[in-house]
C-alpha atoms as a PDB file:
ATOM      1  CA  UNK A   1       8.375  -2.914 -17.915  1.00  0.00           C
ATOM      2  CA  UNK A   2       5.611  -4.724 -18.380  1.00  0.00           C
ATOM      3  CA  UNK A   3       3.351  -6.521 -21.106  1.00  0.00           C
ATOM      4  CA  UNK A   4      -0.067  -5.587 -21.733  1.00  0.00           C
ATOM      5  CA  UNK A   5      -2.774  -5.382 -24.384  1.00  0.00           C
ATOM      6  CA  UNK A   6      -3.302  -1.467 -26.328  1.00  0.00           C
ATOM      7  CA  UNK A   7      -6.102  -1.067 -24.194  1.00  0.00           C
ATOM      8  CA  UNK A   8      -4.126  -1.389 -21.060  1.00  0.00           C
ATOM      9  CA  UNK A   9      -1.049   0.248 -22.040  1.00  0.00           C
ATOM     10  CA  UNK A  10      -3.585   2.958 -22.931  1.00  0.00           C
ATOM     11  CA  UNK A  11      -5.081   2.807 -19.619  1.00  0.00           C
ATOM     12  CA  UNK A  12      -1.729   2.857 -17.813  1.00  0.00           C
ATOM     13  CA  UNK A  13      -0.843   5.871 -19.796  1.00  0.00           C
ATOM     14  CA  UNK A  14      -3.998   8.484 -19.030  1.00  0.00           C
ATOM     15  CA  UNK A  15      -3.620   6.797 -15.081  1.00  0.00           C
ATOM     16  CA  UNK A  16       0.464   8.267 -15.794  1.00  0.00           C
ATOM     17  CA  UNK A  17      -1.137  11.844 -17.727  1.00  0.00           C
ATOM     18  CA  UNK A  18      -3.720  11.873 -14.299  1.00  0.00           C
ATOM     19  CA  UNK A  19      -0.723  12.168 -12.134  1.00  0.00           C
ATOM     20  CA  UNK A  20       0.572  15.287 -13.113  1.00  0.00           C
ATOM     21  CA  UNK A  21      -2.203  17.283 -12.159  1.00  0.00           C
ATOM     22  CA  UNK A  22      -3.670  17.694  -8.852  1.00  0.00           C
ATOM     23  CA  UNK A  23      -7.366  15.587  -8.136  1.00  0.00           C
ATOM     24  CA  UNK A  24      -9.579  14.046  -5.889  1.00  0.00           C
ATOM     25  CA  UNK A  25     -10.823  10.266  -6.042  1.00  0.00           C
ATOM     26  CA  UNK A  26     -13.947   8.065  -4.278  1.00  0.00           C
ATOM     27  CA  UNK A  27     -12.595   5.520  -2.137  1.00  0.00           C
ATOM     28  CA  UNK A  28     -16.323   3.991  -0.159  1.00  0.00           C
ATOM     29  CA  UNK A  29     -18.105   6.971  -0.038  1.00  0.00           C
ATOM     30  CA  UNK A  30     -14.773   8.823   0.834  1.00  0.00           C
ATOM     31  CA  UNK A  31     -13.065  11.840  -1.108  1.00  0.00           C
ATOM     32  CA  UNK A  32      -9.623  11.579  -1.452  1.00  0.00           C
ATOM     33  CA  UNK A  33      -6.947  14.500  -2.592  1.00  0.00           C
ATOM     34  CA  UNK A  34      -3.973  12.962  -4.755  1.00  0.00           C
ATOM     35  CA  UNK A  35      -1.654  15.715  -5.118  1.00  0.00           C
ATOM     36  CA  UNK A  36       0.811  15.435  -8.066  1.00  0.00           C
ATOM     37  CA  UNK A  37       3.812  12.605  -7.960  1.00  0.00           C
ATOM     38  CA  UNK A  38       1.448  10.366  -5.685  1.00  0.00           C
ATOM     39  CA  UNK A  39       0.081   7.675  -6.650  1.00  0.00           C
ATOM     40  CA  UNK A  40      -3.294   7.427  -7.228  1.00  0.00           C
ATOM     41  CA  UNK A  41      -5.058   4.389  -5.864  1.00  0.00           C
ATOM     42  CA  UNK A  42      -8.155   3.965  -8.508  1.00  0.00           C
ATOM     43  CA  UNK A  43      -6.668   4.595 -11.728  1.00  0.00           C
ATOM     44  CA  UNK A  44      -3.895   2.015 -10.163  1.00  0.00           C
ATOM     45  CA  UNK A  45      -6.713  -0.073  -8.793  1.00  0.00           C
ATOM     46  CA  UNK A  46      -5.079  -1.995  -5.580  1.00  0.00           C
ATOM     47  CA  UNK A  47      -5.745   0.464  -2.840  1.00  0.00           C
ATOM     48  CA  UNK A  48      -8.462   1.678  -3.557  1.00  0.00           C
ATOM     49  CA  UNK A  49      -9.568  -2.244  -3.597  1.00  0.00           C
ATOM     50  CA  UNK A  50      -8.159  -2.881  -0.470  1.00  0.00           C
ATOM     51  CA  UNK A  51      -8.754   0.012   1.798  1.00  0.00           C
ATOM     52  CA  UNK A  52     -11.680  -1.010   2.609  1.00  0.00           C
ATOM     53  CA  UNK A  53     -11.637  -4.482   2.871  1.00  0.00           C
ATOM     54  CA  UNK A  54      -8.803  -3.848   5.960  1.00  0.00           C
ATOM     55  CA  UNK A  55     -11.194  -0.952   7.230  1.00  0.00           C
ATOM     56  CA  UNK A  56     -13.800  -4.083   6.938  1.00  0.00           C
ATOM     57  CA  UNK A  57     -11.488  -5.693   8.952  1.00  0.00           C
ATOM     58  CA  UNK A  58     -10.338  -3.766  11.924  1.00  0.00           C
ATOM     59  CA  UNK A  59     -12.463  -3.788  15.088  1.00  0.00           C
ATOM     60  CA  UNK A  60     -12.572  -0.436  17.045  1.00  0.00           C
ATOM     61  CA  UNK A  61      -9.482   1.072  18.915  1.00  0.00           C
ATOM     62  CA  UNK A  62      -6.972  -1.214  16.764  1.00  0.00           C
ATOM     63  CA  UNK A  63      -3.660   0.535  16.749  1.00  0.00           C
ATOM     64  CA  UNK A  64      -3.162  -0.012  12.558  1.00  0.00           C
ATOM     65  CA  UNK A  65       0.075   1.491  10.740  1.00  0.00           C
ATOM     66  CA  UNK A  66      -0.661   2.296   7.334  1.00  0.00           C
ATOM     67  CA  UNK A  67       2.946   1.718   5.684  1.00  0.00           C
ATOM     68  CA  UNK A  68       3.663   3.043   2.469  1.00  0.00           C
ATOM     69  CA  UNK A  69       0.721   5.316   3.212  1.00  0.00           C
ATOM     70  CA  UNK A  70       0.542   7.356  -0.098  1.00  0.00           C
ATOM     71  CA  UNK A  71      -2.240   9.753  -0.589  1.00  0.00           C
ATOM     72  CA  UNK A  72      -3.718   7.906   3.146  1.00  0.00           C
ATOM     73  CA  UNK A  73      -6.681   6.164   2.270  1.00  0.00           C
ATOM     74  CA  UNK A  74      -5.958   2.590   3.788  1.00  0.00           C
ATOM     75  CA  UNK A  75      -5.766   4.730   6.685  1.00  0.00           C
ATOM     76  CA  UNK A  76      -8.312   7.482   6.440  1.00  0.00           C
ATOM     77  CA  UNK A  77     -10.682   4.221   5.644  1.00  0.00           C
ATOM     78  CA  UNK A  78      -9.655   2.921   9.069  1.00  0.00           C
ATOM     79  CA  UNK A  79      -9.333   5.884  10.861  1.00  0.00           C
ATOM     80  CA  UNK A  80     -13.128   6.370   9.704  1.00  0.00           C
ATOM     81  CA  UNK A  81     -13.810   2.750  11.321  1.00  0.00           C
ATOM     82  CA  UNK A  82     -12.644   3.111  15.007  1.00  0.00           C
ATOM     83  CA  UNK A  83      -9.202   2.460  14.061  1.00  0.00           C
ATOM     84  CA  UNK A  84      -5.985   4.620  15.654  1.00  0.00           C
ATOM     85  CA  UNK A  85      -3.821   5.238  12.538  1.00  0.00           C
ATOM     86  CA  UNK A  86      -0.151   5.830  12.228  1.00  0.00           C
ATOM     87  CA  UNK A  87       1.079   6.211   8.970  1.00  0.00           C
ATOM     88  CA  UNK A  88       4.466   6.435   7.147  1.00  0.00           C
ATOM     89  CA  UNK A  89       5.299   7.056   4.021  1.00  0.00           C
ATOM     90  CA  UNK A  90       9.244   8.076   2.561  1.00  0.00           C
ATOM     91  CA  UNK A  91       7.717  11.120   0.524  1.00  0.00           C
ATOM     92  CA  UNK A  92       7.100  14.088   1.928  1.00  0.00           C
ATOM     93  CA  UNK A  93       3.945  14.715  -0.782  1.00  0.00           C
ATOM     94  CA  UNK A  94       2.662  12.058   0.265  1.00  0.00           C
ATOM     95  CA  UNK A  95       2.926  12.454   4.119  1.00  0.00           C
ATOM     96  CA  UNK A  96       1.278  15.978   3.383  1.00  0.00           C
ATOM     97  CA  UNK A  97      -1.717  14.631   1.211  1.00  0.00           C
ATOM     98  CA  UNK A  98      -2.628  11.775   3.981  1.00  0.00           C
ATOM     99  CA  UNK A  99      -2.532  14.894   6.330  1.00  0.00           C
ATOM    100  CA  UNK A 100      -4.545  17.126   4.210  1.00  0.00           C
ATOM    101  CA  UNK A 101      -7.271  13.959   3.364  1.00  0.00           C
ATOM    102  CA  UNK A 102      -7.581  13.374   7.363  1.00  0.00           C
ATOM    103  CA  UNK A 103      -4.821  11.033   9.114  1.00  0.00           C
ATOM    104  CA  UNK A 104      -3.455  12.794  12.316  1.00  0.00           C
ATOM    105  CA  UNK A 105      -0.545  11.219  12.869  1.00  0.00           C
ATOM    106  CA  UNK A 106       1.402  10.785   9.375  1.00  0.00           C
ATOM    107  CA  UNK A 107       5.788  10.490   9.949  1.00  0.00           C
ATOM    108  CA  UNK A 108       8.283  10.796   7.087  1.00  0.00           C
ATOM    109  CA  UNK A 109      10.694   8.089   6.636  1.00  0.00           C
ATOM    110  CA  UNK A 110      12.189   4.876   5.406  1.00  0.00           C
ATOM    111  CA  UNK A 111      10.002   1.624   6.915  1.00  0.00           C
ATOM    112  CA  UNK A 112      10.209   1.608  10.201  1.00  0.00           C
ATOM    113  CA  UNK A 113      12.420   4.159  11.009  1.00  0.00           C
ATOM    114  CA  UNK A 114       9.759   6.630  11.864  1.00  0.00           C
ATOM    115  CA  UNK A 115       8.305   4.047  14.687  1.00  0.00           C
ATOM    116  CA  UNK A 116      11.137   2.201  16.344  1.00  0.00           C
ATOM    117  CA  UNK A 117      10.579   0.989  19.793  1.00  0.00           C
ATOM    118  CA  UNK A 118       6.388   0.703  18.993  1.00  0.00           C
ATOM    119  CA  UNK A 119       4.088  -1.910  18.426  1.00  0.00           C
ATOM    120  CA  UNK A 120       0.915  -2.127  16.862  1.00  0.00           C
ATOM    121  CA  UNK A 121      -2.376  -4.698  16.030  1.00  0.00           C
ATOM    122  CA  UNK A 122      -2.117  -4.476  12.320  1.00  0.00           C
ATOM    123  CA  UNK A 123       0.096  -3.430  10.376  1.00  0.00           C
ATOM    124  CA  UNK A 124      -0.604  -2.718   6.440  1.00  0.00           C
ATOM    125  CA  UNK A 125       1.868  -2.763   3.399  1.00  0.00           C
ATOM    126  CA  UNK A 126       0.760  -2.373   0.053  1.00  0.00           C
ATOM    127  CA  UNK A 127       4.407  -2.537  -1.394  1.00  0.00           C
ATOM    128  CA  UNK A 128       6.572  -1.631  -4.657  1.00  0.00           C
ATOM    129  CA  UNK A 129       6.116  -5.515  -5.766  1.00  0.00           C
ATOM    130  CA  UNK A 130       7.794  -4.445  -9.193  1.00  0.00           C
ATOM    131  CA  UNK A 131      11.281  -5.574  -9.399  1.00  0.00           C
ATOM    132  CA  UNK A 132      12.394  -2.696 -11.240  1.00  0.00           C
ATOM    133  CA  UNK A 133      14.893  -0.255 -10.274  1.00  0.00           C
ATOM    134  CA  UNK A 134      12.926   2.712  -8.951  1.00  0.00           C
ATOM    135  CA  UNK A 135      15.414   5.270 -10.527  1.00  0.00           C
ATOM    136  CA  UNK A 136      14.955   8.363  -7.442  1.00  0.00           C
ATOM    137  CA  UNK A 137      11.181   8.758  -8.830  1.00  0.00           C
ATOM    138  CA  UNK A 138       8.480   9.283  -6.638  1.00  0.00           C
ATOM    139  CA  UNK A 139       5.801   6.318  -8.547  1.00  0.00           C
ATOM    140  CA  UNK A 140       8.723   4.381  -9.481  1.00  0.00           C
ATOM    141  CA  UNK A 141       9.290   4.124  -5.567  1.00  0.00           C
ATOM    142  CA  UNK A 142       5.899   3.122  -5.633  1.00  0.00           C
ATOM    143  CA  UNK A 143       5.857   0.729  -8.122  1.00  0.00           C
ATOM    144  CA  UNK A 144       9.892  -1.232  -8.112  1.00  0.00           C
ATOM    145  CA  UNK A 145      11.237  -2.465  -5.185  1.00  0.00           C
ATOM    146  CA  UNK A 146      14.470  -2.810  -6.417  1.00  0.00           C
ATOM    147  CA  UNK A 147      16.647  -5.497  -7.768  1.00  0.00           C
ATOM    148  CA  UNK A 148      15.926  -8.067  -5.341  1.00  0.00           C
ATOM    149  CA  UNK A 149      12.877  -6.588  -4.429  1.00  0.00           C
ATOM    150  CA  UNK A 150      14.528  -5.410  -1.650  1.00  0.00           C
ATOM    151  CA  UNK A 151      12.181  -3.030  -0.257  1.00  0.00           C
ATOM    152  CA  UNK A 152       9.981  -5.744   0.591  1.00  0.00           C
ATOM    153  CA  UNK A 153      12.417  -7.862   2.571  1.00  0.00           C
ATOM    154  CA  UNK A 154      13.187  -5.052   4.557  1.00  0.00           C
ATOM    155  CA  UNK A 155       9.630  -4.875   5.324  1.00  0.00           C
ATOM    156  CA  UNK A 156       8.936  -8.482   5.884  1.00  0.00           C
ATOM    157  CA  UNK A 157      12.207  -8.823   8.294  1.00  0.00           C
ATOM    158  CA  UNK A 158      11.408  -5.720  10.260  1.00  0.00           C
ATOM    159  CA  UNK A 159       7.556  -6.042  10.723  1.00  0.00           C
ATOM    160  CA  UNK A 160       7.523  -8.678  13.342  1.00  0.00           C
ATOM    161  CA  UNK A 161       9.766  -6.421  16.017  1.00  0.00           C
ATOM    162  CA  UNK A 162       6.281  -3.958  15.209  1.00  0.00           C
ATOM    163  CA  UNK A 163       3.891  -6.100  16.659  1.00  0.00           C
ATOM    164  CA  UNK A 164       1.717  -6.653  19.516  1.00  0.00           C
ATOM    165  CA  UNK A 165       1.312 -10.148  20.672  1.00  0.00           C
ATOM    166  CA  UNK A 166      -1.860 -10.868  18.567  1.00  0.00           C
ATOM    167  CA  UNK A 167      -0.853  -8.420  15.929  1.00  0.00           C
ATOM    168  CA  UNK A 168      -0.564  -9.333  12.334  1.00  0.00           C
ATOM    169  CA  UNK A 169       1.105  -7.817   9.393  1.00  0.00           C
ATOM    170  CA  UNK A 170      -0.667  -7.705   6.199  1.00  0.00           C
ATOM    171  CA  UNK A 171       1.202  -7.203   2.859  1.00  0.00           C
ATOM    172  CA  UNK A 172      -0.868  -6.942  -0.067  1.00  0.00           C
ATOM    173  CA  UNK A 173       0.354  -8.742  -3.721  1.00  0.00           C
ATOM    174  CA  UNK A 174      -0.520  -9.343  -7.256  1.00  0.00           C
ATOM    175  CA  UNK A 175      -0.333 -12.041  -9.323  1.00  0.00           C
ATOM    176  CA  UNK A 176       1.110  -9.174 -11.864  1.00  0.00           C
ATOM    177  CA  UNK A 177       4.517  -9.875  -9.685  1.00  0.00           C
ATOM    178  CA  UNK A 178       4.858 -13.684  -9.701  1.00  0.00           C
ATOM    179  CA  UNK A 179       7.184 -14.765  -6.897  1.00  0.00           C
ATOM    180  CA  UNK A 180       7.302 -11.512  -5.197  1.00  0.00           C
ATOM    181  CA  UNK A 181       6.058 -13.515  -2.009  1.00  0.00           C
ATOM    182  CA  UNK A 182       9.575 -15.109  -1.651  1.00  0.00           C
ATOM    183  CA  UNK A 183      10.488 -12.321  -0.953  1.00  0.00           C
ATOM    184  CA  UNK A 184       8.984 -12.076   2.301  1.00  0.00           C
ATOM    185  CA  UNK A 185      10.384 -15.448   3.461  1.00  0.00           C
ATOM    186  CA  UNK A 186       9.220 -17.720   6.165  1.00  0.00           C
ATOM    187  CA  UNK A 187       6.251 -17.036   8.199  1.00  0.00           C
ATOM    188  CA  UNK A 188       4.572 -15.215   5.852  1.00  0.00           C
ATOM    189  CA  UNK A 189       0.365 -17.159   4.949  1.00  0.00           C
ATOM    190  CA  UNK A 190      -1.674 -16.781   2.144  1.00  0.00           C
ATOM    191  CA  UNK A 191      -4.556 -14.978   2.828  1.00  0.00           C
ATOM    192  CA  UNK A 192      -7.533 -13.441   1.727  1.00  0.00           C
ATOM    193  CA  UNK A 193      -7.503 -13.480  -2.260  1.00  0.00           C
ATOM    194  CA  UNK A 194      -9.763 -11.768  -4.872  1.00  0.00           C
ATOM    195  CA  UNK A 195      -9.789 -10.993  -8.510  1.00  0.00           C
ATOM    196  CA  UNK A 196     -10.398  -7.277  -9.722  1.00  0.00           C
ATOM    197  CA  UNK A 197     -12.417  -6.506 -12.970  1.00  0.00           C
ATOM    198  CA  UNK A 198     -10.129  -6.829 -16.638  1.00  0.00           C
ATOM    199  CA  UNK A 199     -11.154  -2.869 -17.383  1.00  0.00           C
ATOM    200  CA  UNK A 200      -8.837  -3.283 -20.594  1.00  0.00           C
ATOM    201  CA  UNK A 201      -6.203  -5.021 -18.674  1.00  0.00           C
ATOM    202  CA  UNK A 202      -5.397  -8.960 -18.067  1.00  0.00           C
ATOM    203  CA  UNK A 203      -6.642 -10.602 -15.525  1.00  0.00           C
ATOM    204  CA  UNK A 204      -5.388  -9.244 -11.724  1.00  0.00           C
ATOM    205  CA  UNK A 205      -5.859 -11.732  -8.764  1.00  0.00           C
ATOM    206  CA  UNK A 206      -4.686  -9.799  -5.484  1.00  0.00           C
ATOM    207  CA  UNK A 207      -3.900 -11.893  -2.632  1.00  0.00           C
ATOM    208  CA  UNK A 208      -2.710 -10.257   0.748  1.00  0.00           C
ATOM    209  CA  UNK A 209      -0.245 -12.386   2.816  1.00  0.00           C
ATOM    210  CA  UNK A 210      -0.416 -12.220   6.920  1.00  0.00           C
ATOM    211  CA  UNK A 211       2.438 -13.060   9.151  1.00  0.00           C
ATOM    212  CA  UNK A 212       1.533 -13.509  12.826  1.00  0.00           C
ATOM    213  CA  UNK A 213       3.686 -12.016  16.146  1.00  0.00           C
ATOM    214  CA  UNK A 214       6.296 -14.576  17.244  1.00  0.00           C
END
């Protein structure tokens, strides 16, 4: 369990309770539907912080794989920027939400299984970077990647096989999960880094880790 000050614990509790009913949030001018059981990208912050940065870094007509898409917020903004988006999530509710939010190519399955044999110019993943058991719960799977971060390790191993010759894979990690970058293994480098506002929580630094094709 993360150690947070009282204000941070209260905020996280409110976010969890908010997840129990359908609602909408706004990210960079886009209304995003969030059904029960699917991670709210605003309440849990990383998705809403990352999606505009991904979209701004894409050229038109690039093919993007939005891995672990959740509500589809990253893909929605990328699609609006002209990218051709394929979204994948293990959870059926997340896939339904991504379709509701306007993504046209959404596939349900475990990591790269739904896109076997396909290659992408960019692969983006905001992985479950905390160590621990998900317990079979969709929200748990969004936060906890296994005792040894097996989800992160499997993603890192599979990503190079799905990149075009000049493609890149991007993984978003937080300094609240120290050492998660080690689960990526060799070949990854730290790219863009920025800090989220404290907002009642301890300071949090997000970093995009990059793996180039080849």
